[in-house]
């Protein structure tokens, strides 16, 4: 188990264990579909990338359970189009 998942901080950021699980799963799908990572890490491990995106407040689930991200210019970007493209 990844150490980041043991911390209560990441669970709180996601809004609970269920939301954390959902956010991770949806973001992993987006990365697999070609979405670019929002953090700079020296790894190709998509799970580690997603966990760092959450810990750095780069992504979250909105009220409709869609993945949202904060862009570099603090604009909110809707990534749900990736789900529709599959």
PDB file of N, CA and C in Angstrom:
ATOM      1  N   UNK A   1       0.848  -1.184   0.000  1.00  0.00           N
ATOM      2  CA  UNK A   1       0.000   0.000   0.000  1.00  0.00           C
ATOM      3  C   UNK A   1       0.889   1.240   0.000  1.00  0.00           C
ATOM      4  N   UNK A   2       0.537   2.216  -0.784  1.00  0.00           N
ATOM      5  CA  UNK A   2       1.304   3.449  -0.837  1.00  0.00           C
ATOM      6  C   UNK A   2       1.132   4.241   0.449  1.00  0.00           C
ATOM      7  N   UNK A   3       2.229   4.788   0.909  1.00  0.00           N
ATOM      8  CA  UNK A   3       2.227   5.524   2.185  1.00  0.00           C
ATOM      9  C   UNK A   3       1.233   6.690   2.179  1.00  0.00           C
ATOM     10  N   UNK A   4       1.074   7.346   1.031  1.00  0.00           N
ATOM     11  CA  UNK A   4       0.177   8.497   0.947  1.00  0.00           C
ATOM     12  C   UNK A   4      -1.266   8.131   1.306  1.00  0.00           C
ATOM     13  N   UNK A   5      -1.660   6.882   0.997  1.00  0.00           N
ATOM     14  CA  UNK A   5      -3.031   6.458   1.267  1.00  0.00           C
ATOM     15  C   UNK A   5      -3.287   6.214   2.749  1.00  0.00           C
ATOM     16  N   UNK A   6      -2.247   6.091   3.542  1.00  0.00           N
ATOM     17  CA  UNK A   6      -2.394   5.877   4.978  1.00  0.00           C
ATOM     18  C   UNK A   6      -2.634   7.180   5.731  1.00  0.00           C
ATOM     19  N   UNK A   7      -2.348   8.296   5.086  1.00  0.00           N
ATOM     20  CA  UNK A   7      -2.476   9.591   5.743  1.00  0.00           C
ATOM     21  C   UNK A   7      -3.914  10.097   5.689  1.00  0.00           C
ATOM     22  N   UNK A   8      -4.365  10.633   6.794  1.00  0.00           N
ATOM     23  CA  UNK A   8      -5.726  11.180   6.857  1.00  0.00           C
ATOM     24  C   UNK A   8      -5.865  12.444   6.015  1.00  0.00           C
ATOM     25  N   UNK A   9      -4.753  13.120   5.754  1.00  0.00           N
ATOM     26  CA  UNK A   9      -4.779  14.360   4.986  1.00  0.00           C
ATOM     27  C   UNK A   9      -5.348  14.143   3.584  1.00  0.00           C
ATOM     28  N   UNK A  10      -4.916  13.085   2.912  1.00  0.00           N
ATOM     29  CA  UNK A  10      -5.384  12.842   1.549  1.00  0.00           C
ATOM     30  C   UNK A  10      -6.860  12.438   1.555  1.00  0.00           C
ATOM     31  N   UNK A  11      -7.283  11.733   2.577  1.00  0.00           N
ATOM     32  CA  UNK A  11      -8.692  11.342   2.697  1.00  0.00           C
ATOM     33  C   UNK A  11      -9.552  12.587   2.905  1.00  0.00           C
ATOM     34  N   UNK A  12      -9.094  13.486   3.755  1.00  0.00           N
ATOM     35  CA  UNK A  12      -9.826  14.731   4.007  1.00  0.00           C
ATOM     36  C   UNK A  12      -9.881  15.597   2.758  1.00  0.00           C
ATOM     37  N   UNK A  13      -8.785  15.688   2.008  1.00  0.00           N
ATOM     38  CA  UNK A  13      -8.748  16.504   0.794  1.00  0.00           C
ATOM     39  C   UNK A  13      -9.772  16.017  -0.230  1.00  0.00           C
ATOM     40  N   UNK A  14      -9.934  14.697  -0.292  1.00  0.00           N
ATOM     41  CA  UNK A  14     -10.861  14.115  -1.264  1.00  0.00           C
ATOM     42  C   UNK A  14     -12.307  14.152  -0.777  1.00  0.00           C
ATOM     43  N   UNK A  15     -12.515  14.305   0.512  1.00  0.00           N
ATOM     44  CA  UNK A  15     -13.873  14.335   1.044  1.00  0.00           C
ATOM     45  C   UNK A  15     -14.343  13.004   1.581  1.00  0.00           C
ATOM     46  N   UNK A  16     -13.417  12.102   1.856  1.00  0.00           N
ATOM     47  CA  UNK A  16     -13.752  10.794   2.416  1.00  0.00           C
ATOM     48  C   UNK A  16     -13.130   9.677   1.596  1.00  0.00           C
ATOM     49  N   UNK A  17     -13.171   8.480   2.157  1.00  0.00           N
ATOM     50  CA  UNK A  17     -12.539   7.332   1.505  1.00  0.00           C
ATOM     51  C   UNK A  17     -13.208   6.967   0.188  1.00  0.00           C
ATOM     52  N   UNK A  18     -14.532   7.000   0.147  1.00  0.00           N
ATOM     53  CA  UNK A  18     -15.230   6.657  -1.099  1.00  0.00           C
ATOM     54  C   UNK A  18     -14.891   7.653  -2.202  1.00  0.00           C
ATOM     55  N   UNK A  19     -14.930   8.937  -1.891  1.00  0.00           N
ATOM     56  CA  UNK A  19     -14.607   9.949  -2.892  1.00  0.00           C
ATOM     57  C   UNK A  19     -13.153   9.851  -3.328  1.00  0.00           C
ATOM     58  N   UNK A  20     -12.268   9.535  -2.393  1.00  0.00           N
ATOM     59  CA  UNK A  20     -10.861   9.361  -2.740  1.00  0.00           C
ATOM     60  C   UNK A  20     -10.705   8.219  -3.739  1.00  0.00           C
ATOM     61  N   UNK A  21     -11.347   7.113  -3.471  1.00  0.00           N
ATOM     62  CA  UNK A  21     -11.290   5.961  -4.370  1.00  0.00           C
ATOM     63  C   UNK A  21     -11.831   6.313  -5.751  1.00  0.00           C
ATOM     64  N   UNK A  22     -12.945   7.003  -5.791  1.00  0.00           N
ATOM     65  CA  UNK A  22     -13.562   7.406  -7.050  1.00  0.00           C
ATOM     66  C   UNK A  22     -12.666   8.384  -7.811  1.00  0.00           C
ATOM     67  N   UNK A  23     -12.106   9.357  -7.111  1.00  0.00           N
ATOM     68  CA  UNK A  23     -11.230  10.339  -7.730  1.00  0.00           C
ATOM     69  C   UNK A  23      -9.994   9.667  -8.325  1.00  0.00           C
ATOM     70  N   UNK A  24      -9.386   8.774  -7.571  1.00  0.00           N
ATOM     71  CA  UNK A  24      -8.207   8.063  -8.070  1.00  0.00           C
ATOM     72  C   UNK A  24      -8.549   7.281  -9.326  1.00  0.00           C
ATOM     73  N   UNK A  25      -9.624   6.531  -9.283  1.00  0.00           N
ATOM     74  CA  UNK A  25     -10.015   5.700 -10.424  1.00  0.00           C
ATOM     75  C   UNK A  25     -10.287   6.541 -11.662  1.00  0.00           C
ATOM     76  N   UNK A  26     -11.038   7.610 -11.503  1.00  0.00           N
ATOM     77  CA  UNK A  26     -11.379   8.449 -12.654  1.00  0.00           C
ATOM     78  C   UNK A  26     -10.156   9.156 -13.222  1.00  0.00           C
ATOM     79  N   UNK A  27      -9.269   9.618 -12.361  1.00  0.00           N
ATOM     80  CA  UNK A  27      -8.073  10.303 -12.845  1.00  0.00           C
ATOM     81  C   UNK A  27      -7.106   9.333 -13.515  1.00  0.00           C
ATOM     82  N   UNK A  28      -7.016   8.101 -12.997  1.00  0.00           N
ATOM     83  CA  UNK A  28      -6.180   7.094 -13.651  1.00  0.00           C
ATOM     84  C   UNK A  28      -6.669   6.814 -15.068  1.00  0.00           C
ATOM     85  N   UNK A  29      -7.972   6.757 -15.248  1.00  0.00           N
ATOM     86  CA  UNK A  29      -8.544   6.556 -16.582  1.00  0.00           C
ATOM     87  C   UNK A  29      -8.153   7.723 -17.495  1.00  0.00           C
ATOM     88  N   UNK A  30      -8.245   8.948 -16.982  1.00  0.00           N
ATOM     89  CA  UNK A  30      -7.888  10.113 -17.779  1.00  0.00           C
ATOM     90  C   UNK A  30      -6.420  10.091 -18.186  1.00  0.00           C
ATOM     91  N   UNK A  31      -5.548   9.744 -17.253  1.00  0.00           N
ATOM     92  CA  UNK A  31      -4.121   9.674 -17.581  1.00  0.00           C
ATOM     93  C   UNK A  31      -3.846   8.585 -18.610  1.00  0.00           C
ATOM     94  N   UNK A  32      -4.512   7.450 -18.472  1.00  0.00           N
ATOM     95  CA  UNK A  32      -4.346   6.359 -19.431  1.00  0.00           C
ATOM     96  C   UNK A  32      -4.842   6.756 -20.822  1.00  0.00           C
ATOM     97  N   UNK A  33      -5.831   7.661 -20.858  1.00  0.00           N
ATOM     98  CA  UNK A  33      -6.384   8.125 -22.133  1.00  0.00           C
ATOM     99  C   UNK A  33      -5.542   9.239 -22.763  1.00  0.00           C
ATOM    100  N   UNK A  34      -4.499   9.673 -22.062  1.00  0.00           N
ATOM    101  CA  UNK A  34      -3.604  10.668 -22.644  1.00  0.00           C
ATOM    102  C   UNK A  34      -3.580  12.024 -21.989  1.00  0.00           C
ATOM    103  N   UNK A  35      -4.335  12.217 -20.913  1.00  0.00           N
ATOM    104  CA  UNK A  35      -4.312  13.485 -20.207  1.00  0.00           C
ATOM    105  C   UNK A  35      -2.918  13.699 -19.627  1.00  0.00           C
ATOM    106  N   UNK A  36      -2.473  14.950 -19.615  1.00  0.00           N
ATOM    107  CA  UNK A  36      -1.119  15.215 -19.115  1.00  0.00           C
ATOM    108  C   UNK A  36      -1.134  15.325 -17.590  1.00  0.00           C
ATOM    109  N   UNK A  37      -0.067  14.850 -16.954  1.00  0.00           N
ATOM    110  CA  UNK A  37       0.036  14.989 -15.492  1.00  0.00           C
ATOM    111  C   UNK A  37       0.118  16.461 -15.097  1.00  0.00           C
ATOM    112  N   UNK A  38      -0.397  16.781 -13.932  1.00  0.00           N
ATOM    113  CA  UNK A  38      -0.399  18.153 -13.423  1.00  0.00           C
ATOM    114  C   UNK A  38       0.733  18.411 -12.448  1.00  0.00           C
ATOM    115  N   UNK A  39       1.552  17.397 -12.204  1.00  0.00           N
ATOM    116  CA  UNK A  39       2.701  17.527 -11.314  1.00  0.00           C
ATOM    117  C   UNK A  39       3.934  16.996 -12.029  1.00  0.00           C
ATOM    118  N   UNK A  40       5.070  17.521 -11.635  1.00  0.00           N
ATOM    119  CA  UNK A  40       6.344  17.062 -12.181  1.00  0.00           C
ATOM    120  C   UNK A  40       6.928  16.020 -11.235  1.00  0.00           C
ATOM    121  N   UNK A  41       6.947  14.762 -11.672  1.00  0.00           N
ATOM    122  CA  UNK A  41       7.545  13.688 -10.888  1.00  0.00           C
ATOM    123  C   UNK A  41       8.473  12.893 -11.786  1.00  0.00           C
ATOM    124  N   UNK A  42       9.504  12.346 -11.203  1.00  0.00           N
ATOM    125  CA  UNK A  42      10.461  11.550 -11.947  1.00  0.00           C
ATOM    126  C   UNK A  42      10.027  10.083 -11.917  1.00  0.00           C
ATOM    127  N   UNK A  43       8.795   9.836 -12.395  1.00  0.00           N
ATOM    128  CA  UNK A  43       8.242   8.485 -12.415  1.00  0.00           C
ATOM    129  C   UNK A  43       7.176   8.388 -13.506  1.00  0.00           C
ATOM    130  N   UNK A  44       6.948   7.179 -13.967  1.00  0.00           N
ATOM    131  CA  UNK A  44       5.847   6.915 -14.895  1.00  0.00           C
ATOM    132  C   UNK A  44       4.697   6.220 -14.182  1.00  0.00           C
ATOM    133  N   UNK A  45       4.795   6.068 -12.865  1.00  0.00           N
ATOM    134  CA  UNK A  45       3.768   5.422 -12.060  1.00  0.00           C
ATOM    135  C   UNK A  45       2.560   6.350 -11.949  1.00  0.00           C
ATOM    136  N   UNK A  46       1.510   6.023 -12.677  1.00  0.00           N
ATOM    137  CA  UNK A  46       0.324   6.881 -12.720  1.00  0.00           C
ATOM    138  C   UNK A  46      -0.338   7.034 -11.355  1.00  0.00           C
ATOM    139  N   UNK A  47      -0.280   6.001 -10.538  1.00  0.00           N
ATOM    140  CA  UNK A  47      -0.883   6.084  -9.201  1.00  0.00           C
ATOM    141  C   UNK A  47      -0.160   7.133  -8.362  1.00  0.00           C
ATOM    142  N   UNK A  48       1.156   7.136  -8.395  1.00  0.00           N
ATOM    143  CA  UNK A  48       1.919   8.132  -7.646  1.00  0.00           C
ATOM    144  C   UNK A  48       1.635   9.538  -8.156  1.00  0.00           C
ATOM    145  N   UNK A  49       1.455   9.671  -9.458  1.00  0.00           N
ATOM    146  CA  UNK A  49       1.132  10.973 -10.053  1.00  0.00           C
ATOM    147  C   UNK A  49      -0.219  11.458  -9.538  1.00  0.00           C
ATOM    148  N   UNK A  50      -1.217  10.588  -9.564  1.00  0.00           N
ATOM    149  CA  UNK A  50      -2.557  10.962  -9.102  1.00  0.00           C
ATOM    150  C   UNK A  50      -2.529  11.352  -7.626  1.00  0.00           C
ATOM    151  N   UNK A  51      -1.840  10.585  -6.805  1.00  0.00           N
ATOM    152  CA  UNK A  51      -1.780  10.895  -5.375  1.00  0.00           C
ATOM    153  C   UNK A  51      -1.129  12.254  -5.138  1.00  0.00           C
ATOM    154  N   UNK A  52      -0.087  12.563  -5.884  1.00  0.00           N
ATOM    155  CA  UNK A  52       0.554  13.872  -5.732  1.00  0.00           C
ATOM    156  C   UNK A  52      -0.352  14.993  -6.235  1.00  0.00           C
ATOM    157  N   UNK A  53      -1.110  14.734  -7.301  1.00  0.00           N
ATOM    158  CA  UNK A  53      -2.062  15.739  -7.785  1.00  0.00           C
ATOM    159  C   UNK A  53      -3.092  16.058  -6.703  1.00  0.00           C
ATOM    160  N   UNK A  54      -3.546  15.049  -5.994  1.00  0.00           N
ATOM    161  CA  UNK A  54      -4.520  15.258  -4.920  1.00  0.00           C
ATOM    162  C   UNK A  54      -3.866  16.006  -3.760  1.00  0.00           C
ATOM    163  N   UNK A  55      -2.712  15.538  -3.333  1.00  0.00           N
ATOM    164  CA  UNK A  55      -2.028  16.159  -2.197  1.00  0.00           C
ATOM    165  C   UNK A  55      -1.651  17.607  -2.464  1.00  0.00           C
ATOM    166  N   UNK A  56      -1.380  17.940  -3.733  1.00  0.00           N
ATOM    167  CA  UNK A  56      -1.018  19.308  -4.091  1.00  0.00           C
ATOM    168  C   UNK A  56      -2.235  20.135  -4.512  1.00  0.00           C
ATOM    169  N   UNK A  57      -3.444  19.616  -4.248  1.00  0.00           N
ATOM    170  CA  UNK A  57      -4.697  20.323  -4.555  1.00  0.00           C
ATOM    171  C   UNK A  57      -4.824  20.690  -6.023  1.00  0.00           C
ATOM    172  N   UNK A  58      -4.388  19.797  -6.898  1.00  0.00           N
ATOM    173  CA  UNK A  58      -4.496  20.025  -8.336  1.00  0.00           C
ATOM    174  C   UNK A  58      -5.795  19.471  -8.903  1.00  0.00           C
ATOM    175  N   UNK A  59      -6.353  18.443  -8.255  1.00  0.00           N
ATOM    176  CA  UNK A  59      -7.590  17.816  -8.733  1.00  0.00           C
ATOM    177  C   UNK A  59      -8.536  17.556  -7.564  1.00  0.00           C
ATOM    178  N   UNK A  60      -9.817  17.451  -7.896  1.00  0.00           N
ATOM    179  CA  UNK A  60     -10.839  17.103  -6.911  1.00  0.00           C
ATOM    180  C   UNK A  60     -12.095  16.669  -7.651  1.00  0.00           C
ATOM    181  N   UNK A  61     -13.056  16.099  -6.924  1.00  0.00           N
ATOM    182  CA  UNK A  61     -14.354  15.743  -7.501  1.00  0.00           C
ATOM    183  C   UNK A  61     -15.323  16.884  -7.238  1.00  0.00           C
ATOM    184  N   UNK A  62     -16.067  17.278  -8.271  1.00  0.00           N
ATOM    185  CA  UNK A  62     -17.072  18.312  -8.074  1.00  0.00           C
ATOM    186  C   UNK A  62     -18.364  17.686  -7.549  1.00  0.00           C
ATOM    187  N   UNK A  63     -19.412  18.481  -7.436  1.00  0.00           N
ATOM    188  CA  UNK A  63     -20.674  17.997  -6.875  1.00  0.00           C
ATOM    189  C   UNK A  63     -21.325  16.904  -7.714  1.00  0.00           C
ATOM    190  N   UNK A  64     -20.998  16.858  -9.018  1.00  0.00           N
ATOM    191  CA  UNK A  64     -21.565  15.824  -9.886  1.00  0.00           C
ATOM    192  C   UNK A  64     -20.610  14.642 -10.055  1.00  0.00           C
ATOM    193  N   UNK A  65     -19.616  14.551  -9.146  1.00  0.00           N
ATOM    194  CA  UNK A  65     -18.651  13.453  -9.126  1.00  0.00           C
ATOM    195  C   UNK A  65     -17.764  13.399 -10.370  1.00  0.00           C
ATOM    196  N   UNK A  66     -17.524  14.542 -10.990  1.00  0.00           N
ATOM    197  CA  UNK A  66     -16.607  14.640 -12.124  1.00  0.00           C
ATOM    198  C   UNK A  66     -15.271  15.187 -11.640  1.00  0.00           C
ATOM    199  N   UNK A  67     -14.195  14.735 -12.268  1.00  0.00           N
ATOM    200  CA  UNK A  67     -12.864  15.219 -11.905  1.00  0.00           C
ATOM    201  C   UNK A  67     -12.689  16.635 -12.429  1.00  0.00           C
ATOM    202  N   UNK A  68     -12.259  17.503 -11.544  1.00  0.00           N
ATOM    203  CA  UNK A  68     -11.953  18.882 -11.913  1.00  0.00           C
ATOM    204  C   UNK A  68     -10.501  19.134 -11.550  1.00  0.00           C
ATOM    205  N   UNK A  69      -9.867  20.049 -12.284  1.00  0.00           N
ATOM    206  CA  UNK A  69      -8.504  20.399 -11.932  1.00  0.00           C
ATOM    207  C   UNK A  69      -8.340  21.898 -11.917  1.00  0.00           C
ATOM    208  N   UNK A  70      -7.377  22.320 -11.148  1.00  0.00           N
ATOM    209  CA  UNK A  70      -7.028  23.726 -11.091  1.00  0.00           C
ATOM    210  C   UNK A  70      -5.887  23.932 -12.067  1.00  0.00           C
ATOM    211  N   UNK A  71      -6.087  24.788 -13.074  1.00  0.00           N
ATOM    212  CA  UNK A  71      -5.064  25.052 -14.069  1.00  0.00           C
ATOM    213  C   UNK A  71      -3.970  25.922 -13.507  1.00  0.00           C
ATOM    214  N   UNK A  72      -2.895  26.063 -14.272  1.00  0.00           N
ATOM    215  CA  UNK A  72      -1.766  26.862 -13.839  1.00  0.00           C
ATOM    216  C   UNK A  72      -2.136  28.306 -13.567  1.00  0.00           C
ATOM    217  N   UNK A  73      -3.160  28.808 -14.262  1.00  0.00           N
ATOM    218  CA  UNK A  73      -3.587  30.190 -14.048  1.00  0.00           C
ATOM    219  C   UNK A  73      -4.802  30.260 -13.140  1.00  0.00           C
ATOM    220  N   UNK A  74      -4.979  29.211 -12.327  1.00  0.00           N
ATOM    221  CA  UNK A  74      -6.073  29.103 -11.350  1.00  0.00           C
ATOM    222  C   UNK A  74      -7.451  29.046 -11.994  1.00  0.00           C
ATOM    223  N   UNK A  75      -7.523  28.734 -13.282  1.00  0.00           N
ATOM    224  CA  UNK A  75      -8.809  28.517 -13.927  1.00  0.00           C
ATOM    225  C   UNK A  75      -9.249  27.090 -13.655  1.00  0.00           C
ATOM    226  N   UNK A  76     -10.525  26.900 -13.430  1.00  0.00           N
ATOM    227  CA  UNK A  76     -11.085  25.584 -13.226  1.00  0.00           C
ATOM    228  C   UNK A  76     -11.353  24.968 -14.586  1.00  0.00           C
ATOM    229  N   UNK A  77     -10.809  23.793 -14.831  1.00  0.00           N
ATOM    230  CA  UNK A  77     -10.971  23.131 -16.112  1.00  0.00           C
ATOM    231  C   UNK A  77     -11.789  21.866 -15.921  1.00  0.00           C
ATOM    232  N   UNK A  78     -12.785  21.649 -16.778  1.00  0.00           N
ATOM    233  CA  UNK A  78     -13.643  20.470 -16.700  1.00  0.00           C
ATOM    234  C   UNK A  78     -13.035  19.363 -17.558  1.00  0.00           C
ATOM    235  N   UNK A  79     -12.711  18.229 -16.935  1.00  0.00           N
ATOM    236  CA  UNK A  79     -12.111  17.122 -17.646  1.00  0.00           C
ATOM    237  C   UNK A  79     -13.128  16.068 -18.038  1.00  0.00           C
ATOM    238  N   UNK A  80     -14.403  16.315 -17.892  1.00  0.00           N
ATOM    239  CA  UNK A  80     -15.412  15.309 -18.185  1.00  0.00           C
ATOM    240  C   UNK A  80     -15.480  14.990 -19.665  1.00  0.00           C
ATOM    241  N   UNK A  81     -14.938  15.870 -20.537  1.00  0.00           N
ATOM    242  CA  UNK A  81     -14.949  15.583 -21.956  1.00  0.00           C
ATOM    243  C   UNK A  81     -14.158  14.320 -22.266  1.00  0.00           C
ATOM    244  N   UNK A  82     -13.143  14.020 -21.466  1.00  0.00           N
ATOM    245  CA  UNK A  82     -12.366  12.804 -21.688  1.00  0.00           C
ATOM    246  C   UNK A  82     -13.238  11.573 -21.481  1.00  0.00           C
ATOM    247  N   UNK A  83     -14.134  11.616 -20.515  1.00  0.00           N
ATOM    248  CA  UNK A  83     -15.039  10.497 -20.286  1.00  0.00           C
ATOM    249  C   UNK A  83     -15.949  10.284 -21.487  1.00  0.00           C
ATOM    250  N   UNK A  84     -16.397  11.359 -22.093  1.00  0.00           N
ATOM    251  CA  UNK A  84     -17.301  11.276 -23.235  1.00  0.00           C
ATOM    252  C   UNK A  84     -16.580  10.790 -24.480  1.00  0.00           C
ATOM    253  N   UNK A  85     -15.277  11.015 -24.576  1.00  0.00           N
ATOM    254  CA  UNK A  85     -14.515  10.636 -25.753  1.00  0.00           C
ATOM    255  C   UNK A  85     -14.208   9.153 -25.807  1.00  0.00           C
ATOM    256  N   UNK A  86     -14.374   8.451 -24.707  1.00  0.00           N
ATOM    257  CA  UNK A  86     -14.023   7.030 -24.660  1.00  0.00           C
ATOM    258  C   UNK A  86     -15.034   6.188 -25.373  1.00  0.00           C
TER     259      UNK A  86
END
